[in-house]
All heavy atoms as atom14 arrays in JSON, in Angstrom:
{
  "sequence": "GQIVIPKEARDLFGIAPGDTLMLLADKRQGIAIPPKSAFSTL",
  "atom14_mask": [
    [1, 1, 1, 1, 0, 0, 0, 0, 0, 0, 0, 0, 0, 0],
    [1, 1, 1, 1, 1, 1, 1, 1, 1, 0, 0, 0, 0, 0],
    [1, 1, 1, 1, 1, 1, 1, 1, 0, 0, 0, 0, 0, 0],
    [1, 1, 1, 1, 1, 1, 1, 0, 0, 0, 0, 0, 0, 0],
    [1, 1, 1, 1, 1, 1, 1, 1, 0, 0, 0, 0, 0, 0],
    [1, 1, 1, 1, 1, 1, 1, 0, 0, 0, 0, 0, 0, 0],
    [1, 1, 1, 1, 1, 1, 1, 1, 1, 0, 0, 0, 0, 0],
    [1, 1, 1, 1, 1, 1, 1, 1, 1, 0, 0, 0, 0, 0],
    [1, 1, 1, 1, 1, 0, 0, 0, 0, 0, 0, 0, 0, 0],
    [1, 1, 1, 1, 1, 1, 1, 1, 1, 1, 1, 0, 0, 0],
    [1, 1, 1, 1, 1, 1, 1, 1, 0, 0, 0, 0, 0, 0],
    [1, 1, 1, 1, 1, 1, 1, 1, 0, 0, 0, 0, 0, 0],
    [1, 1, 1, 1, 1, 1, 1, 1, 1, 1, 1, 0, 0, 0],
    [1, 1, 1, 1, 0, 0, 0, 0, 0, 0, 0, 0, 0, 0],
    [1, 1, 1, 1, 1, 1, 1, 1, 0, 0, 0, 0, 0, 0],
    [1, 1, 1, 1, 1, 0, 0, 0, 0, 0, 0, 0, 0, 0],
    [1, 1, 1, 1, 1, 1, 1, 0, 0, 0, 0, 0, 0, 0],
    [1, 1, 1, 1, 0, 0, 0, 0, 0, 0, 0, 0, 0, 0],
    [1, 1, 1, 1, 1, 1, 1, 1, 0, 0, 0, 0, 0, 0],
    [1, 1, 1, 1, 1, 1, 1, 0, 0, 0, 0, 0, 0, 0],
    [1, 1, 1, 1, 1, 1, 1, 1, 0, 0, 0, 0, 0, 0],
    [1, 1, 1, 1, 1, 1, 1, 1, 0, 0, 0, 0, 0, 0],
    [1, 1, 1, 1, 1, 1, 1, 1, 0, 0, 0, 0, 0, 0],
    [1, 1, 1, 1, 1, 1, 1, 1, 0, 0, 0, 0, 0, 0],
    [1, 1, 1, 1, 1, 0, 0, 0, 0, 0, 0, 0, 0, 0],
    [1, 1, 1, 1, 1, 1, 1, 1, 0, 0, 0, 0, 0, 0],
    [1, 1, 1, 1, 1, 1, 1, 1, 1, 0, 0, 0, 0, 0],
    [1, 1, 1, 1, 1, 1, 1, 1, 1, 1, 1, 0, 0, 0],
    [1, 1, 1, 1, 1, 1, 1, 1, 1, 0, 0, 0, 0, 0],
    [1, 1, 1, 1, 0, 0, 0, 0, 0, 0, 0, 0, 0, 0],
    [1, 1, 1, 1, 1, 1, 1, 1, 0, 0, 0, 0, 0, 0],
    [1, 1, 1, 1, 1, 0, 0, 0, 0, 0, 0, 0, 0, 0],
    [1, 1, 1, 1, 1, 1, 1, 1, 0, 0, 0, 0, 0, 0],
    [1, 1, 1, 1, 1, 1, 1, 0, 0, 0, 0, 0, 0, 0],
    [1, 1, 1, 1, 1, 1, 1, 0, 0, 0, 0, 0, 0, 0],
    [1, 1, 1, 1, 1, 1, 1, 1, 1, 0, 0, 0, 0, 0],
    [1, 1, 1, 1, 1, 1, 0, 0, 0, 0, 0, 0, 0, 0],
    [1, 1, 1, 1, 1, 0, 0, 0, 0, 0, 0, 0, 0, 0],
    [1, 1, 1, 1, 1, 1, 1, 1, 1, 1, 1, 0, 0, 0],
    [1, 1, 1, 1, 1, 1, 0, 0, 0, 0, 0, 0, 0, 0],
    [1, 1, 1, 1, 1, 1, 1, 0, 0, 0, 0, 0, 0, 0],
    [1, 1, 1, 1, 1, 1, 1, 1, 0, 0, 0, 0, 0, 0]
  ],
  "atom14_positions": [
    [[0.8, -1.22, 0.0], [0.0, 0.0, 0.0], [0.83, 1.27, 0.0], [0.3, 2.35, 0.22], [0.0, 0.0, 0.0], [0.0, 0.0, 0.0], [0.0, 0.0, 0.0], [0.0, 0.0, 0.0], [0.0, 0.0, 0.0], [0.0, 0.0, 0.0], [0.0, 0.0, 0.0], [0.0, 0.0, 0.0], [0.0, 0.0, 0.0], [0.0, 0.0, 0.0]],
    [[2.12, 1.15, -0.23], [3.01, 2.32, -0.2], [3.07, 2.99, -1.58], [2.96, 2.32, -2.6], [4.41, 1.9, 0.22], [4.45, 1.32, 1.61], [5.79, 0.68, 1.93], [6.39, 0.03, 1.08], [6.25, 0.86, 3.15], [0.0, 0.0, 0.0], [0.0, 0.0, 0.0], [0.0, 0.0, 0.0], [0.0, 0.0, 0.0], [0.0, 0.0, 0.0]],
    [[3.26, 4.3, -1.55], [3.5, 5.05, -2.78], [4.81, 5.81, -2.63], [5.24, 6.09, -1.51], [2.36, 6.04, -3.12], [2.22, 7.12, -2.04], [1.05, 5.32, -3.35], [1.32, 8.26, -2.42], [0.0, 0.0, 0.0], [0.0, 0.0, 0.0], [0.0, 0.0, 0.0], [0.0, 0.0, 0.0], [0.0, 0.0, 0.0], [0.0, 0.0, 0.0]],
    [[5.42, 6.12, -3.75], [6.63, 6.94, -3.74], [6.24, 8.31, -4.26], [5.64, 8.44, -5.34], [7.73, 6.32, -4.64], [8.91, 7.25, -4.75], [8.15, 4.96, -4.1], [0.0, 0.0, 0.0], [0.0, 0.0, 0.0], [0.0, 0.0, 0.0], [0.0, 0.0, 0.0], [0.0, 0.0, 0.0], [0.0, 0.0, 0.0], [0.0, 0.0, 0.0]],
    [[6.54, 9.34, -3.49], [6.26, 10.71, -3.92], [7.33, 11.08, -4.94], [8.53, 10.99, -4.65], [6.27, 11.68, -2.73], [5.19, 11.26, -1.72], [6.05, 13.12, -3.2], [5.23, 12.02, -0.41], [0.0, 0.0, 0.0], [0.0, 0.0, 0.0], [0.0, 0.0, 0.0], [0.0, 0.0, 0.0], [0.0, 0.0, 0.0], [0.0, 0.0, 0.0]],
    [[6.93, 11.51, -6.14], [7.92, 11.84, -7.17], [8.92, 12.89, -6.7], [8.59, 13.79, -5.92], [7.07, 12.37, -8.32], [5.72, 11.76, -8.1], [5.57, 11.68, -6.61], [0.0, 0.0, 0.0], [0.0, 0.0, 0.0], [0.0, 0.0, 0.0], [0.0, 0.0, 0.0], [0.0, 0.0, 0.0], [0.0, 0.0, 0.0], [0.0, 0.0, 0.0]],
    [[10.16, 12.76, -7.17], [11.24, 13.66, -6.78], [10.87, 15.12, -7.01], [11.15, 15.99, -6.18], [12.53, 13.33, -7.53], [13.7, 14.23, -7.13], [14.95, 13.87, -7.85], [16.16, 14.68, -7.49], [16.01, 15.93, -6.82], [0.0, 0.0, 0.0], [0.0, 0.0, 0.0], [0.0, 0.0, 0.0], [0.0, 0.0, 0.0], [0.0, 0.0, 0.0]],
    [[10.24, 15.41, -8.14], [9.85, 16.79, -8.44], [8.92, 17.34, -7.36], [9.04, 18.49, -6.95], [9.17, 16.89, -9.81], [10.07, 16.52, -10.97], [10.04, 15.02, -11.3], [9.4, 14.22, -10.56], [10.67, 14.63, -12.29], [0.0, 0.0, 0.0], [0.0, 0.0, 0.0], [0.0, 0.0, 0.0], [0.0, 0.0, 0.0], [0.0, 0.0, 0.0]],
    [[7.99, 16.52, -6.9], [7.06, 16.95, -5.85], [7.78, 17.12, -4.52], [7.53, 18.08, -3.79], [5.92, 15.94, -5.71], [0.0, 0.0, 0.0], [0.0, 0.0, 0.0], [0.0, 0.0, 0.0], [0.0, 0.0, 0.0], [0.0, 0.0, 0.0], [0.0, 0.0, 0.0], [0.0, 0.0, 0.0], [0.0, 0.0, 0.0], [0.0, 0.0, 0.0]],
    [[8.68, 16.18, -4.2], [9.45, 16.32, -2.95], [10.28, 17.59, -2.96], [10.35, 18.31, -1.96], [10.36, 15.09, -2.76], [9.59, 13.79, -2.54], [10.49, 12.66, -2.09], [11.73, 12.5, -2.83], [11.91, 11.68, -3.87], [10.91, 10.93, -4.29], [13.08, 11.59, -4.46], [0.0, 0.0, 0.0], [0.0, 0.0, 0.0], [0.0, 0.0, 0.0]],
    [[10.92, 17.87, -4.09], [11.73, 19.1, -4.19], [10.85, 20.34, -4.09], [11.18, 21.3, -3.38], [12.49, 19.13, -5.53], [13.6, 18.09, -5.6], [13.98, 17.53, -4.54], [14.09, 17.85, -6.72], [0.0, 0.0, 0.0], [0.0, 0.0, 0.0], [0.0, 0.0, 0.0], [0.0, 0.0, 0.0], [0.0, 0.0, 0.0], [0.0, 0.0, 0.0]],
    [[9.72, 20.34, -4.77], [8.82, 21.49, -4.79], [8.31, 21.83, -3.39], [8.23, 23.01, -3.02], [7.64, 21.22, -5.73], [6.61, 22.32, -5.9], [7.23, 23.52, -6.63], [5.42, 21.81, -6.68], [0.0, 0.0, 0.0], [0.0, 0.0, 0.0], [0.0, 0.0, 0.0], [0.0, 0.0, 0.0], [0.0, 0.0, 0.0], [0.0, 0.0, 0.0]],
    [[8.01, 20.8, -2.59], [7.43, 21.02, -1.26], [8.41, 20.81, -0.12], [8.02, 20.84, 1.05], [6.2, 20.13, -1.08], [5.06, 20.54, -1.97], [4.77, 19.82, -3.11], [4.31, 21.67, -1.69], [3.74, 20.21, -3.96], [3.28, 22.07, -2.51], [2.99, 21.33, -3.66], [0.0, 0.0, 0.0], [0.0, 0.0, 0.0], [0.0, 0.0, 0.0]],
    [[9.68, 20.6, -0.44], [10.69, 20.48, 0.6], [10.52, 19.25, 1.47], [10.76, 19.29, 2.68], [0.0, 0.0, 0.0], [0.0, 0.0, 0.0], [0.0, 0.0, 0.0], [0.0, 0.0, 0.0], [0.0, 0.0, 0.0], [0.0, 0.0, 0.0], [0.0, 0.0, 0.0], [0.0, 0.0, 0.0], [0.0, 0.0, 0.0], [0.0, 0.0, 0.0]],
    [[10.09, 18.15, 0.88], [9.88, 16.91, 1.62], [11.2, 16.14, 1.64], [11.78, 15.87, 0.6], [8.77, 16.05, 0.98], [7.45, 16.84, 0.99], [8.63, 14.72, 1.7], [6.36, 16.2, 0.15], [0.0, 0.0, 0.0], [0.0, 0.0, 0.0], [0.0, 0.0, 0.0], [0.0, 0.0, 0.0], [0.0, 0.0, 0.0], [0.0, 0.0, 0.0]],
    [[11.66, 15.8, 2.84], [12.95, 15.12, 2.99], [12.74, 13.79, 3.72], [11.74, 13.6, 4.42], [13.91, 16.0, 3.79], [0.0, 0.0, 0.0], [0.0, 0.0, 0.0], [0.0, 0.0, 0.0], [0.0, 0.0, 0.0], [0.0, 0.0, 0.0], [0.0, 0.0, 0.0], [0.0, 0.0, 0.0], [0.0, 0.0, 0.0], [0.0, 0.0, 0.0]],
    [[13.71, 12.86, 3.58], [13.61, 11.6, 4.31], [13.44, 11.85, 5.81], [14.06, 12.74, 6.38], [14.95, 10.92, 4.03], [15.38, 11.49, 2.71], [14.91, 12.92, 2.74], [0.0, 0.0, 0.0], [0.0, 0.0, 0.0], [0.0, 0.0, 0.0], [0.0, 0.0, 0.0], [0.0, 0.0, 0.0], [0.0, 0.0, 0.0], [0.0, 0.0, 0.0]],
    [[12.53, 11.1, 6.42], [12.27, 11.25, 7.84], [11.16, 12.23, 8.16], [10.69, 12.29, 9.31], [0.0, 0.0, 0.0], [0.0, 0.0, 0.0], [0.0, 0.0, 0.0], [0.0, 0.0, 0.0], [0.0, 0.0, 0.0], [0.0, 0.0, 0.0], [0.0, 0.0, 0.0], [0.0, 0.0, 0.0], [0.0, 0.0, 0.0], [0.0, 0.0, 0.0]],
    [[10.72, 13.03, 7.19], [9.62, 13.96, 7.43], [8.33, 13.19, 7.7], [8.12, 12.1, 7.18], [9.38, 14.86, 6.21], [10.38, 15.98, 6.1], [11.19, 16.17, 7.02], [10.37, 16.68, 5.06], [0.0, 0.0, 0.0], [0.0, 0.0, 0.0], [0.0, 0.0, 0.0], [0.0, 0.0, 0.0], [0.0, 0.0, 0.0], [0.0, 0.0, 0.0]],
    [[7.47, 13.78, 8.49], [6.15, 13.23, 8.73], [5.16, 14.04, 7.92], [5.18, 15.27, 7.96], [5.78, 13.31, 10.23], [6.73, 12.54, 10.96], [4.38, 12.79, 10.48], [0.0, 0.0, 0.0], [0.0, 0.0, 0.0], [0.0, 0.0, 0.0], [0.0, 0.0, 0.0], [0.0, 0.0, 0.0], [0.0, 0.0, 0.0], [0.0, 0.0, 0.0]],
    [[4.32, 13.35, 7.17], [3.32, 14.03, 6.35], [1.93, 13.69, 6.86], [1.72, 12.66, 7.48], [3.44, 13.58, 4.89], [4.77, 13.82, 4.22], [4.76, 13.25, 2.8], [5.11, 15.29, 4.19], [0.0, 0.0, 0.0], [0.0, 0.0, 0.0], [0.0, 0.0, 0.0], [0.0, 0.0, 0.0], [0.0, 0.0, 0.0], [0.0, 0.0, 0.0]],
    [[0.98, 14.57, 6.59], [-0.4, 14.35, 6.97], [-1.17, 13.95, 5.72], [-1.04, 14.59, 4.67], [-1.01, 15.62, 7.56], [-2.44, 15.43, 8.01], [-3.19, 16.95, 8.63], [-2.06, 17.4, 9.92], [0.0, 0.0, 0.0], [0.0, 0.0, 0.0], [0.0, 0.0, 0.0], [0.0, 0.0, 0.0], [0.0, 0.0, 0.0], [0.0, 0.0, 0.0]],
    [[-1.95, 12.92, 5.82], [-2.78, 12.46, 4.72], [-4.22, 12.77, 5.08], [-4.72, 12.31, 6.11], [-2.58, 10.95, 4.52], [-3.28, 10.33, 3.33], [-2.49, 10.64, 2.07], [-3.37, 8.84, 3.52], [0.0, 0.0, 0.0], [0.0, 0.0, 0.0], [0.0, 0.0, 0.0], [0.0, 0.0, 0.0], [0.0, 0.0, 0.0], [0.0, 0.0, 0.0]],
    [[-4.9, 13.56, 4.26], [-6.3, 13.89, 4.48], [-7.14, 13.15, 3.45], [-6.71, 12.99, 2.31], [-6.53, 15.4, 4.33], [-5.68, 16.3, 5.23], [-5.94, 17.76, 4.9], [-5.96, 16.02, 6.69], [0.0, 0.0, 0.0], [0.0, 0.0, 0.0], [0.0, 0.0, 0.0], [0.0, 0.0, 0.0], [0.0, 0.0, 0.0], [0.0, 0.0, 0.0]],
    [[-8.31, 12.68, 3.84], [-9.14, 11.94, 2.9], [-10.61, 12.31, 3.05], [-11.08, 12.61, 4.14], [-8.97, 10.44, 3.12], [0.0, 0.0, 0.0], [0.0, 0.0, 0.0], [0.0, 0.0, 0.0], [0.0, 0.0, 0.0], [0.0, 0.0, 0.0], [0.0, 0.0, 0.0], [0.0, 0.0, 0.0], [0.0, 0.0, 0.0], [0.0, 0.0, 0.0]],
    [[-11.29, 12.31, 1.93], [-12.72, 12.54, 1.87], [-13.26, 11.56, 0.84], [-12.73, 11.49, -0.27], [-12.99, 13.99, 1.44], [-14.46, 14.31, 1.35], [-15.09, 13.88, 0.36], [-14.99, 15.0, 2.24], [0.0, 0.0, 0.0], [0.0, 0.0, 0.0], [0.0, 0.0, 0.0], [0.0, 0.0, 0.0], [0.0, 0.0, 0.0], [0.0, 0.0, 0.0]],
    [[-14.29, 10.79, 1.19], [-14.8, 9.77, 0.28], [-15.21, 10.33, -1.07], [-15.06, 9.68, -2.09], [-15.99, 9.04, 0.89], [-15.61, 7.98, 1.88], [-16.83, 7.2, 2.3], [-16.43, 5.77, 2.58], [-17.58, 4.92, 2.85], [0.0, 0.0, 0.0], [0.0, 0.0, 0.0], [0.0, 0.0, 0.0], [0.0, 0.0, 0.0], [0.0, 0.0, 0.0]],
    [[-15.72, 11.55, -1.1], [-16.16, 12.14, -2.37], [-15.04, 12.87, -3.1], [-14.99, 12.85, -4.31], [-17.34, 13.09, -2.14], [-18.63, 12.33, -1.84], [-19.8, 13.26, -1.65], [-19.74, 13.76, -0.27], [-19.98, 15.0, 0.09], [-20.32, 15.9, -0.78], [-19.9, 15.35, 1.35], [0.0, 0.0, 0.0], [0.0, 0.0, 0.0], [0.0, 0.0, 0.0]],
    [[-14.15, 13.53, -2.36], [-13.15, 14.38, -3.0], [-11.8, 13.69, -3.19], [-10.99, 14.15, -3.97], [-12.97, 15.67, -2.2], [-14.22, 16.52, -2.2], [-14.0, 17.82, -1.48], [-12.91, 18.36, -1.5], [-15.03, 18.33, -0.85], [0.0, 0.0, 0.0], [0.0, 0.0, 0.0], [0.0, 0.0, 0.0], [0.0, 0.0, 0.0], [0.0, 0.0, 0.0]],
    [[-11.53, 12.63, -2.45], [-10.28, 11.91, -2.62], [-9.28, 12.16, -1.52], [-9.64, 12.57, -0.41], [0.0, 0.0, 0.0], [0.0, 0.0, 0.0], [0.0, 0.0, 0.0], [0.0, 0.0, 0.0], [0.0, 0.0, 0.0], [0.0, 0.0, 0.0], [0.0, 0.0, 0.0], [0.0, 0.0, 0.0], [0.0, 0.0, 0.0], [0.0, 0.0, 0.0]],
    [[-8.01, 11.92, -1.84], [-6.92, 12.01, -0.87], [-6.07, 13.24, -1.17], [-5.81, 13.55, -2.33], [-6.06, 10.74, -0.94], [-6.88, 9.52, -0.5], [-4.8, 10.87, -0.09], [-6.17, 8.2, -0.7], [0.0, 0.0, 0.0], [0.0, 0.0, 0.0], [0.0, 0.0, 0.0], [0.0, 0.0, 0.0], [0.0, 0.0, 0.0], [0.0, 0.0, 0.0]],
    [[-5.61, 13.9, -0.12], [-4.72, 15.06, -0.27], [-3.59, 14.96, 0.73], [-3.78, 14.48, 1.85], [-5.49, 16.36, -0.05], [0.0, 0.0, 0.0], [0.0, 0.0, 0.0], [0.0, 0.0, 0.0], [0.0, 0.0, 0.0], [0.0, 0.0, 0.0], [0.0, 0.0, 0.0], [0.0, 0.0, 0.0], [0.0, 0.0, 0.0], [0.0, 0.0, 0.0]],
    [[-2.43, 15.41, 0.33], [-1.28, 15.53, 1.23], [-0.91, 17.01, 1.22], [-0.26, 17.48, 0.29], [-0.09, 14.67, 0.76], [-0.5, 13.21, 0.62], [1.08, 14.82, 1.74], [0.55, 12.32, 0.0], [0.0, 0.0, 0.0], [0.0, 0.0, 0.0], [0.0, 0.0, 0.0], [0.0, 0.0, 0.0], [0.0, 0.0, 0.0], [0.0, 0.0, 0.0]],
    [[-1.39, 17.77, 2.22], [-1.12, 19.21, 2.21], [0.36, 19.5, 2.49], [1.06, 18.71, 3.12], [-2.0, 19.74, 3.35], [-2.19, 18.57, 4.25], [-2.15, 17.35, 3.38], [0.0, 0.0, 0.0], [0.0, 0.0, 0.0], [0.0, 0.0, 0.0], [0.0, 0.0, 0.0], [0.0, 0.0, 0.0], [0.0, 0.0, 0.0], [0.0, 0.0, 0.0]],
    [[0.85, 20.66, 2.01], [2.24, 21.02, 2.3], [2.43, 21.26, 3.79], [1.49, 21.61, 4.51], [2.45, 22.31, 1.5], [1.08, 22.84, 1.25], [0.16, 21.67, 1.22], [0.0, 0.0, 0.0], [0.0, 0.0, 0.0], [0.0, 0.0, 0.0], [0.0, 0.0, 0.0], [0.0, 0.0, 0.0], [0.0, 0.0, 0.0], [0.0, 0.0, 0.0]],
    [[3.68, 21.06, 4.24], [3.99, 21.23, 5.67], [3.6, 22.61, 6.17], [3.2, 22.76, 7.31], [5.47, 20.98, 5.91], [5.87, 19.54, 5.72], [7.33, 19.32, 6.02], [8.17, 19.8, 4.88], [9.59, 19.5, 5.01], [0.0, 0.0, 0.0], [0.0, 0.0, 0.0], [0.0, 0.0, 0.0], [0.0, 0.0, 0.0], [0.0, 0.0, 0.0]],
    [[3.68, 23.61, 5.31], [3.36, 24.97, 5.72], [1.89, 25.12, 6.12], [1.52, 26.05, 6.81], [3.69, 25.95, 4.6], [2.93, 25.64, 3.43], [0.0, 0.0, 0.0], [0.0, 0.0, 0.0], [0.0, 0.0, 0.0], [0.0, 0.0, 0.0], [0.0, 0.0, 0.0], [0.0, 0.0, 0.0], [0.0, 0.0, 0.0], [0.0, 0.0, 0.0]],
    [[1.04, 24.19, 5.71], [-0.38, 24.26, 6.03], [-0.7, 23.67, 7.39], [-1.8, 23.86, 7.91], [-1.19, 23.55, 4.95], [0.0, 0.0, 0.0], [0.0, 0.0, 0.0], [0.0, 0.0, 0.0], [0.0, 0.0, 0.0], [0.0, 0.0, 0.0], [0.0, 0.0, 0.0], [0.0, 0.0, 0.0], [0.0, 0.0, 0.0], [0.0, 0.0, 0.0]],
    [[0.24, 22.94, 8.01], [-0.02, 22.27, 9.27], [-0.47, 23.24, 10.36], [-1.46, 23.0, 11.04], [1.2, 21.51, 9.77], [1.47, 20.22, 9.05], [0.75, 19.84, 7.92], [2.45, 19.38, 9.49], [0.99, 18.66, 7.26], [2.71, 18.18, 8.84], [1.99, 17.82, 7.73], [0.0, 0.0, 0.0], [0.0, 0.0, 0.0], [0.0, 0.0, 0.0]],
    [[0.27, 24.31, 10.57], [-0.05, 25.21, 11.68], [-1.43, 25.84, 11.48], [-2.2, 25.97, 12.43], [1.03, 26.28, 11.84], [1.13, 27.06, 10.67], [0.0, 0.0, 0.0], [0.0, 0.0, 0.0], [0.0, 0.0, 0.0], [0.0, 0.0, 0.0], [0.0, 0.0, 0.0], [0.0, 0.0, 0.0], [0.0, 0.0, 0.0], [0.0, 0.0, 0.0]],
    [[-1.76, 26.21, 10.25], [-3.08, 26.79, 9.98], [-4.17, 25.76, 10.23], [-5.19, 26.07, 10.85], [-3.15, 27.27, 8.52], [-2.09, 28.19, 8.29], [-4.47, 27.93, 8.21], [0.0, 0.0, 0.0], [0.0, 0.0, 0.0], [0.0, 0.0, 0.0], [0.0, 0.0, 0.0], [0.0, 0.0, 0.0], [0.0, 0.0, 0.0], [0.0, 0.0, 0.0]],
    [[-3.94, 24.54, 9.78], [-4.92, 23.48, 9.96], [-5.13, 23.17, 11.44], [-6.27, 23.12, 11.92], [-4.48, 22.22, 9.22], [-5.4, 21.01, 9.31], [-6.76, 21.33, 8.71], [-4.77, 19.83, 8.6], [0.0, 0.0, 0.0], [0.0, 0.0, 0.0], [0.0, 0.0, 0.0], [0.0, 0.0, 0.0], [0.0, 0.0, 0.0], [0.0, 0.0, 0.0]]
  ]
}
């Protein structure tokens, strides 16, 4: 069930090995992985 985040996306959002990401899901709208900068606002 694992996915690999493409390098371009990791570079664009500053995702590095060991980072913790948040996965949001909605049955109608799908899955989203918001950027780390959105955590504090959320």
